[in-house]
Amino acid sequence: MVAAGRLRFAAGKIVSTEAERDGVRLRFRPRHGDTVETMQVARIVNCTGPQGDLTRTDDPLLARLVAEGRIRPDRLRLGID
């Protein structure tokens, strides 16, 4: 699929997605890049793995609970202790 141009790997952060009739318009900032790229895709596959480290969460509720000391990361930082 890679050789046929049907599969592309891109590391970076998704800026936005927009559903379109023939797929998804993806805007993302490539890793180590400053510019935003746009591409038309049929699918997006998240290959980042689980994000269990509560000290790095973007979730406002979890961040507040950690800051207030109501929850804490487990010893391996894979979930809640």
PDB file of N, CA and C in Angstrom:
ATOM      1  N   MET A   1       0.814  -1.193   0.000  1.00  0.00           N
ATOM      2  CA  MET A   1       0.000   0.000   0.000  1.00  0.00           C
ATOM      3  C   MET A   1       0.865   1.267   0.000  1.00  0.00           C
ATOM      4  N   VAL A   2       1.988   1.225   0.704  1.00  0.00           N
ATOM      5  CA  VAL A   2       2.882   2.382   0.713  1.00  0.00           C
ATOM      6  C   VAL A   2       3.443   2.611  -0.681  1.00  0.00           C
ATOM      7  N   ALA A   3       3.931   1.540  -1.304  1.00  0.00           N
ATOM      8  CA  ALA A   3       4.518   1.651  -2.641  1.00  0.00           C
ATOM      9  C   ALA A   3       3.497   2.141  -3.666  1.00  0.00           C
ATOM     10  N   ALA A   4       2.245   1.774  -3.474  1.00  0.00           N
ATOM     11  CA  ALA A   4       1.189   2.184  -4.403  1.00  0.00           C
ATOM     12  C   ALA A   4       0.674   3.595  -4.110  1.00  0.00           C
ATOM     13  N   GLY A   5       1.188   4.221  -3.037  1.00  0.00           N
ATOM     14  CA  GLY A   5       0.748   5.567  -2.691  1.00  0.00           C
ATOM     15  C   GLY A   5      -0.593   5.618  -1.987  1.00  0.00           C
ATOM     16  N   ARG A   6      -1.054   4.467  -1.486  1.00  0.00           N
ATOM     17  CA  ARG A   6      -2.350   4.407  -0.820  1.00  0.00           C
ATOM     18  C   ARG A   6      -2.242   4.558   0.690  1.00  0.00           C
ATOM     19  N   LEU A   7      -1.013   4.531   1.216  1.00  0.00           N
ATOM     20  CA  LEU A   7      -0.797   4.648   2.653  1.00  0.00           C
ATOM     21  C   LEU A   7       0.383   5.567   2.902  1.00  0.00           C
ATOM     22  N   ARG A   8       0.182   6.531   3.791  1.00  0.00           N
ATOM     23  CA  ARG A   8       1.260   7.462   4.131  1.00  0.00           C
ATOM     24  C   ARG A   8       1.340   7.573   5.646  1.00  0.00           C
ATOM     25  N   PHE A   9       2.551   7.566   6.169  1.00  0.00           N
ATOM     26  CA  PHE A   9       2.777   7.762   7.589  1.00  0.00           C
ATOM     27  C   PHE A   9       3.185   9.205   7.814  1.00  0.00           C
ATOM     28  N   ALA A  10       2.580   9.852   8.794  1.00  0.00           N
ATOM     29  CA  ALA A  10       2.916  11.241   9.101  1.00  0.00           C
ATOM     30  C   ALA A  10       2.850  11.431  10.611  1.00  0.00           C
ATOM     31  N   ALA A  11       3.960  11.820  11.214  1.00  0.00           N
ATOM     32  CA  ALA A  11       3.997  12.085  12.651  1.00  0.00           C
ATOM     33  C   ALA A  11       3.779  13.565  12.882  1.00  0.00           C
ATOM     34  N   GLY A  12       2.879  13.897  13.778  1.00  0.00           N
ATOM     35  CA  GLY A  12       2.619  15.294  14.081  1.00  0.00           C
ATOM     36  C   GLY A  12       1.381  15.445  14.932  1.00  0.00           C
ATOM     37  N   LYS A  13       0.899  16.668  15.041  1.00  0.00           N
ATOM     38  CA  LYS A  13      -0.300  16.966  15.819  1.00  0.00           C
ATOM     39  C   LYS A  13      -1.418  17.391  14.885  1.00  0.00           C
ATOM     40  N   ILE A  14      -2.589  16.827  15.089  1.00  0.00           N
ATOM     41  CA  ILE A  14      -3.753  17.204  14.293  1.00  0.00           C
ATOM     42  C   ILE A  14      -4.222  18.582  14.739  1.00  0.00           C
ATOM     43  N   VAL A  15      -4.387  19.479  13.774  1.00  0.00           N
ATOM     44  CA  VAL A  15      -4.892  20.827  14.038  1.00  0.00           C
ATOM     45  C   VAL A  15      -6.408  20.829  13.904  1.00  0.00           C
ATOM     46  N   SER A  16      -6.910  20.200  12.833  1.00  0.00           N
ATOM     47  CA  SER A  16      -8.354  20.121  12.632  1.00  0.00           C
ATOM     48  C   SER A  16      -8.677  19.040  11.610  1.00  0.00           C
ATOM     49  N   THR A  17      -9.919  18.592  11.653  1.00  0.00           N
ATOM     50  CA  THR A  17     -10.437  17.668  10.648  1.00  0.00           C
ATOM     51  C   THR A  17     -11.802  18.187  10.211  1.00  0.00           C
ATOM     52  N   GLU A  18     -12.126  17.923   8.964  1.00  0.00           N
ATOM     53  CA  GLU A  18     -13.419  18.338   8.435  1.00  0.00           C
ATOM     54  C   GLU A  18     -13.934  17.244   7.513  1.00  0.00           C
ATOM     55  N   ALA A  19     -15.104  16.696   7.860  1.00  0.00           N
ATOM     56  CA  ALA A  19     -15.701  15.652   7.036  1.00  0.00           C
ATOM     57  C   ALA A  19     -16.132  16.234   5.703  1.00  0.00           C
ATOM     58  N   GLU A  20     -15.817  15.511   4.642  1.00  0.00           N
ATOM     59  CA  GLU A  20     -16.235  15.890   3.300  1.00  0.00           C
ATOM     60  C   GLU A  20     -16.863  14.675   2.640  1.00  0.00           C
ATOM     61  N   ARG A  21     -17.503  14.885   1.522  1.00  0.00           N
ATOM     62  CA  ARG A  21     -18.225  13.799   0.870  1.00  0.00           C
ATOM     63  C   ARG A  21     -17.318  12.614   0.538  1.00  0.00           C
ATOM     64  N   ASP A  22     -16.093  12.883   0.124  1.00  0.00           N
ATOM     65  CA  ASP A  22     -15.201  11.798  -0.298  1.00  0.00           C
ATOM     66  C   ASP A  22     -14.072  11.526   0.696  1.00  0.00           C
ATOM     67  N   GLY A  23     -14.249  11.882   1.963  1.00  0.00           N
ATOM     68  CA  GLY A  23     -13.226  11.589   2.966  1.00  0.00           C
ATOM     69  C   GLY A  23     -13.142  12.656   4.038  1.00  0.00           C
ATOM     70  N   VAL A  24     -11.927  12.961   4.424  1.00  0.00           N
ATOM     71  CA  VAL A  24     -11.683  13.925   5.495  1.00  0.00           C
ATOM     72  C   VAL A  24     -10.585  14.885   5.065  1.00  0.00           C
ATOM     73  N   ARG A  25     -10.805  16.172   5.290  1.00  0.00           N
ATOM     74  CA  ARG A  25      -9.742  17.161   5.083  1.00  0.00           C
ATOM     75  C   ARG A  25      -9.013  17.263   6.415  1.00  0.00           C
ATOM     76  N   LEU A  26      -7.742  16.917   6.397  1.00  0.00           N
ATOM     77  CA  LEU A  26      -6.910  16.877   7.594  1.00  0.00           C
ATOM     78  C   LEU A  26      -5.915  18.024   7.565  1.00  0.00           C
ATOM     79  N   ARG A  27      -5.871  18.794   8.632  1.00  0.00           N
ATOM     80  CA  ARG A  27      -4.854  19.835   8.804  1.00  0.00           C
ATOM     81  C   ARG A  27      -4.016  19.406   9.995  1.00  0.00           C
ATOM     82  N   PHE A  28      -2.693  19.314   9.787  1.00  0.00           N
ATOM     83  CA  PHE A  28      -1.822  18.884  10.874  1.00  0.00           C
ATOM     84  C   PHE A  28      -0.480  19.592  10.813  1.00  0.00           C
ATOM     85  N   ARG A  29       0.165  19.638  11.964  1.00  0.00           N
ATOM     86  CA  ARG A  29       1.500  20.233  12.073  1.00  0.00           C
ATOM     87  C   ARG A  29       2.477  19.073  12.228  1.00  0.00           C
ATOM     88  N   PRO A  30       3.325  18.847  11.225  1.00  0.00           N
ATOM     89  CA  PRO A  30       4.277  17.735  11.292  1.00  0.00           C
ATOM     90  C   PRO A  30       5.229  17.879  12.482  1.00  0.00           C
ATOM     91  N   ARG A  31       5.647  16.748  13.012  1.00  0.00           N
ATOM     92  CA  ARG A  31       6.620  16.746  14.097  1.00  0.00           C
ATOM     93  C   ARG A  31       7.854  17.522  13.653  1.00  0.00           C
ATOM     94  N   HIS A  32       8.368  18.352  14.511  1.00  0.00           N
ATOM     95  CA  HIS A  32       9.551  19.187  14.264  1.00  0.00           C
ATOM     96  C   HIS A  32       9.292  20.227  13.172  1.00  0.00           C
ATOM     97  N   GLY A  33       8.034  20.546  12.908  1.00  0.00           N
ATOM     98  CA  GLY A  33       7.720  21.545  11.892  1.00  0.00           C
ATOM     99  C   GLY A  33       6.910  22.690  12.472  1.00  0.00           C
ATOM    100  N   ASP A  34       6.937  23.815  11.793  1.00  0.00           N
ATOM    101  CA  ASP A  34       6.196  24.988  12.248  1.00  0.00           C
ATOM    102  C   ASP A  34       4.980  25.291  11.384  1.00  0.00           C
ATOM    103  N   THR A  35       4.937  24.731  10.181  1.00  0.00           N
ATOM    104  CA  THR A  35       3.842  25.035   9.267  1.00  0.00           C
ATOM    105  C   THR A  35       2.750  23.979   9.369  1.00  0.00           C
ATOM    106  N   VAL A  36       1.546  24.377   9.025  1.00  0.00           N
ATOM    107  CA  VAL A  36       0.409  23.462   9.016  1.00  0.00           C
ATOM    108  C   VAL A  36       0.229  22.935   7.603  1.00  0.00           C
ATOM    109  N   GLU A  37       0.136  21.618   7.472  1.00  0.00           N
ATOM    110  CA  GLU A  37      -0.093  20.982   6.173  1.00  0.00           C
ATOM    111  C   GLU A  37      -1.538  20.525   6.089  1.00  0.00           C
ATOM    112  N   THR A  38      -2.062  20.484   4.880  1.00  0.00           N
ATOM    113  CA  THR A  38      -3.425  20.019   4.640  1.00  0.00           C
ATOM    114  C   THR A  38      -3.380  18.880   3.644  1.00  0.00           C
ATOM    115  N   MET A  39      -4.169  17.846   3.908  1.00  0.00           N
ATOM    116  CA  MET A  39      -4.286  16.751   2.944  1.00  0.00           C
ATOM    117  C   MET A  39      -5.681  16.158   3.013  1.00  0.00           C
ATOM    118  N   GLN A  40      -6.099  15.587   1.912  1.00  0.00           N
ATOM    119  CA  GLN A  40      -7.369  14.888   1.811  1.00  0.00           C
ATOM    120  C   GLN A  40      -7.094  13.415   2.068  1.00  0.00           C
ATOM    121  N   VAL A  41      -7.809  12.816   3.022  1.00  0.00           N
ATOM    122  CA  VAL A  41      -7.573  11.416   3.371  1.00  0.00           C
ATOM    123  C   VAL A  41      -8.894  10.662   3.462  1.00  0.00           C
ATOM    124  N   ALA A  42      -8.800   9.351   3.319  1.00  0.00           N
ATOM    125  CA  ALA A  42      -9.974   8.505   3.496  1.00  0.00           C
ATOM    126  C   ALA A  42     -10.115   8.085   4.954  1.00  0.00           C
ATOM    127  N   ARG A  43      -8.976   7.879   5.619  1.00  0.00           N
ATOM    128  CA  ARG A  43      -8.973   7.421   7.008  1.00  0.00           C
ATOM    129  C   ARG A  43      -7.808   8.050   7.765  1.00  0.00           C
ATOM    130  N   ILE A  44      -7.983   8.183   9.079  1.00  0.00           N
ATOM    131  CA  ILE A  44      -6.913   8.609   9.972  1.00  0.00           C
ATOM    132  C   ILE A  44      -6.752   7.512  11.010  1.00  0.00           C
ATOM    133  N   VAL A  45      -5.533   7.030  11.192  1.00  0.00           N
ATOM    134  CA  VAL A  45      -5.265   5.981  12.179  1.00  0.00           C
ATOM    135  C   VAL A  45      -4.375   6.566  13.265  1.00  0.00           C
ATOM    136  N   ASN A  46      -4.859   6.547  14.491  1.00  0.00           N
ATOM    137  CA  ASN A  46      -4.091   7.046  15.627  1.00  0.00           C
ATOM    138  C   ASN A  46      -3.164   5.937  16.102  1.00  0.00           C
ATOM    139  N   CYS A  47      -1.869   6.147  15.956  1.00  0.00           N
ATOM    140  CA  CYS A  47      -0.874   5.140  16.339  1.00  0.00           C
ATOM    141  C   CYS A  47      -0.040   5.591  17.535  1.00  0.00           C
ATOM    142  N   THR A  48      -0.564   6.503  18.335  1.00  0.00           N
ATOM    143  CA  THR A  48       0.210   7.044  19.446  1.00  0.00           C
ATOM    144  C   THR A  48       0.237   6.131  20.651  1.00  0.00           C
ATOM    145  N   GLY A  49      -0.696   5.209  20.745  1.00  0.00           N
ATOM    146  CA  GLY A  49      -0.779   4.362  21.931  1.00  0.00           C
ATOM    147  C   GLY A  49      -1.535   5.084  23.035  1.00  0.00           C
ATOM    148  N   PRO A  50      -1.699   4.420  24.156  1.00  0.00           N
ATOM    149  CA  PRO A  50      -2.473   5.021  25.239  1.00  0.00           C
ATOM    150  C   PRO A  50      -1.733   6.179  25.896  1.00  0.00           C
ATOM    151  N   GLN A  51      -2.480   7.160  26.332  1.00  0.00           N
ATOM    152  CA  GLN A  51      -1.908   8.272  27.097  1.00  0.00           C
ATOM    153  C   GLN A  51      -2.472   8.149  28.502  1.00  0.00           C
ATOM    154  N   GLY A  52      -1.732   7.499  29.361  1.00  0.00           N
ATOM    155  CA  GLY A  52      -2.199   7.274  30.721  1.00  0.00           C
ATOM    156  C   GLY A  52      -1.550   8.171  31.744  1.00  0.00           C
ATOM    157  N   ASP A  53      -0.538   8.929  31.369  1.00  0.00           N
ATOM    158  CA  ASP A  53       0.185   9.778  32.315  1.00  0.00           C
ATOM    159  C   ASP A  53      -0.652  11.013  32.629  1.00  0.00           C
ATOM    160  N   LEU A  54      -1.235  11.031  33.811  1.00  0.00           N
ATOM    161  CA  LEU A  54      -2.109  12.137  34.196  1.00  0.00           C
ATOM    162  C   LEU A  54      -1.383  13.471  34.272  1.00  0.00           C
ATOM    163  N   THR A  55      -0.081  13.459  34.444  1.00  0.00           N
ATOM    164  CA  THR A  55       0.664  14.717  34.520  1.00  0.00           C
ATOM    165  C   THR A  55       0.815  15.359  33.148  1.00  0.00           C
ATOM    166  N   ARG A  56       0.466  14.631  32.082  1.00  0.00           N
ATOM    167  CA  ARG A  56       0.595  15.164  30.719  1.00  0.00           C
ATOM    168  C   ARG A  56      -0.757  15.284  30.018  1.00  0.00           C
ATOM    169  N   THR A  57      -1.847  15.150  30.755  1.00  0.00           N
ATOM    170  CA  THR A  57      -3.166  15.147  30.144  1.00  0.00           C
ATOM    171  C   THR A  57      -3.587  16.533  29.668  1.00  0.00           C
ATOM    172  N   ASP A  58      -4.354  16.566  28.585  1.00  0.00           N
ATOM    173  CA  ASP A  58      -4.954  17.799  28.086  1.00  0.00           C
ATOM    174  C   ASP A  58      -6.400  17.928  28.559  1.00  0.00           C
ATOM    175  N   ASP A  59      -6.881  16.915  29.267  1.00  0.00           N
ATOM    176  CA  ASP A  59      -8.263  16.913  29.734  1.00  0.00           C
ATOM    177  C   ASP A  59      -8.395  17.853  30.934  1.00  0.00           C
ATOM    178  N   PRO A  60      -9.226  18.903  30.831  1.00  0.00           N
ATOM    179  CA  PRO A  60      -9.334  19.883  31.916  1.00  0.00           C
ATOM    180  C   PRO A  60      -9.808  19.277  33.240  1.00  0.00           C
ATOM    181  N   LEU A  61     -10.749  18.342  33.180  1.00  0.00           N
ATOM    182  CA  LEU A  61     -11.254  17.722  34.409  1.00  0.00           C
ATOM    183  C   LEU A  61     -10.149  16.947  35.115  1.00  0.00           C
ATOM    184  N   LEU A  62      -9.456  16.077  34.377  1.00  0.00           N
ATOM    185  CA  LEU A  62      -8.383  15.294  34.992  1.00  0.00           C
ATOM    186  C   LEU A  62      -7.263  16.189  35.512  1.00  0.00           C
ATOM    187  N   ALA A  63      -6.910  17.219  34.749  1.00  0.00           N
ATOM    188  CA  ALA A  63      -5.852  18.141  35.182  1.00  0.00           C
ATOM    189  C   ALA A  63      -6.241  18.836  36.483  1.00  0.00           C
ATOM    190  N   ARG A  64      -7.500  19.242  36.595  1.00  0.00           N
ATOM    191  CA  ARG A  64      -7.961  19.903  37.820  1.00  0.00           C
ATOM    192  C   ARG A  64      -7.952  18.940  39.002  1.00  0.00           C
ATOM    193  N   LEU A  65      -8.404  17.702  38.785  1.00  0.00           N
ATOM    194  CA  LEU A  65      -8.409  16.715  39.865  1.00  0.00           C
ATOM    195  C   LEU A  65      -6.997  16.412  40.349  1.00  0.00           C
ATOM    196  N   VAL A  66      -6.038  16.359  39.433  1.00  0.00           N
ATOM    197  CA  VAL A  66      -4.634  16.148  39.812  1.00  0.00           C
ATOM    198  C   VAL A  66      -4.135  17.357  40.597  1.00  0.00           C
ATOM    199  N   ALA A  67      -4.407  18.559  40.100  1.00  0.00           N
ATOM    200  CA  ALA A  67      -3.941  19.787  40.756  1.00  0.00           C
ATOM    201  C   ALA A  67      -4.513  19.921  42.164  1.00  0.00           C
ATOM    202  N   GLU A  68      -5.749  19.469  42.354  1.00  0.00           N
ATOM    203  CA  GLU A  68      -6.392  19.544  43.667  1.00  0.00           C
ATOM    204  C   GLU A  68      -5.974  18.396  44.579  1.00  0.00           C
ATOM    205  N   GLY A  69      -5.222  17.439  44.049  1.00  0.00           N
ATOM    206  CA  GLY A  69      -4.785  16.304  44.854  1.00  0.00           C
ATOM    207  C   GLY A  69      -5.847  15.240  45.062  1.00  0.00           C
ATOM    208  N   ARG A  70      -6.918  15.289  44.291  1.00  0.00           N
ATOM    209  CA  ARG A  70      -8.002  14.306  44.428  1.00  0.00           C
ATOM    210  C   ARG A  70      -7.661  12.976  43.761  1.00  0.00           C
ATOM    211  N   ILE A  71      -6.844  13.026  42.718  1.00  0.00           N
ATOM    212  CA  ILE A  71      -6.348  11.808  42.079  1.00  0.00           C
ATOM    213  C   ILE A  71      -4.857  11.982  41.830  1.00  0.00           C
ATOM    214  N   ARG A  72      -4.177  10.863  41.622  1.00  0.00           N
ATOM    215  CA  ARG A  72      -2.750  10.920  41.296  1.00  0.00           C
ATOM    216  C   ARG A  72      -2.430   9.781  40.343  1.00  0.00           C
ATOM    217  N   PRO A  73      -1.366   9.944  39.559  1.00  0.00           N
ATOM    218  CA  PRO A  73      -0.979   8.877  38.636  1.00  0.00           C
ATOM    219  C   PRO A  73      -0.489   7.658  39.409  1.00  0.00           C
ATOM    220  N   ASP A  74      -0.680   6.491  38.831  1.00  0.00           N
ATOM    221  CA  ASP A  74      -0.137   5.284  39.455  1.00  0.00           C
ATOM    222  C   ASP A  74       1.387   5.279  39.307  1.00  0.00           C
ATOM    223  N   ARG A  75       2.022   4.320  39.938  1.00  0.00           N
ATOM    224  CA  ARG A  75       3.482   4.259  39.988  1.00  0.00           C
ATOM    225  C   ARG A  75       4.111   4.214  38.602  1.00  0.00           C
ATOM    226  N   LEU A  76       3.464   3.546  37.648  1.00  0.00           N
ATOM    227  CA  LEU A  76       4.007   3.425  36.290  1.00  0.00           C
ATOM    228  C   LEU A  76       3.508   4.528  35.354  1.00  0.00           C
ATOM    229  N   ARG A  77       2.671   5.406  35.860  1.00  0.00           N
ATOM    230  CA  ARG A  77       2.077   6.495  35.073  1.00  0.00           C
ATOM    231  C   ARG A  77       1.278   5.969  33.870  1.00  0.00           C
ATOM    232  N   LEU A  78       0.528   4.905  34.143  1.00  0.00           N
ATOM    233  CA  LEU A  78      -0.319   4.323  33.103  1.00  0.00           C
ATOM    234  C   LEU A  78      -1.801   4.518  33.400  1.00  0.00           C
ATOM    235  N   GLY A  79      -2.110   5.094  34.541  1.00  0.00           N
ATOM    236  CA  GLY A  79      -3.502   5.280  34.926  1.00  0.00           C
ATOM    237  C   GLY A  79      -3.588   6.000  36.258  1.00  0.00           C
ATOM    238  N   ILE A  80      -4.717   5.814  36.946  1.00  0.00           N
ATOM    239  CA  ILE A  80      -4.973   6.474  38.227  1.00  0.00           C
ATOM    240  C   ILE A  80      -4.661   5.506  39.354  1.00  0.00           C
ATOM    241  N   ASP A  81      -3.974   6.014  40.396  1.00  0.00           N
ATOM    242  CA  ASP A  81      -3.642   5.199  41.571  1.00  0.00           C
ATOM    243  C   ASP A  81      -4.856   5.070  42.452  1.00  0.00           C
TER     244      ASP A  81
END
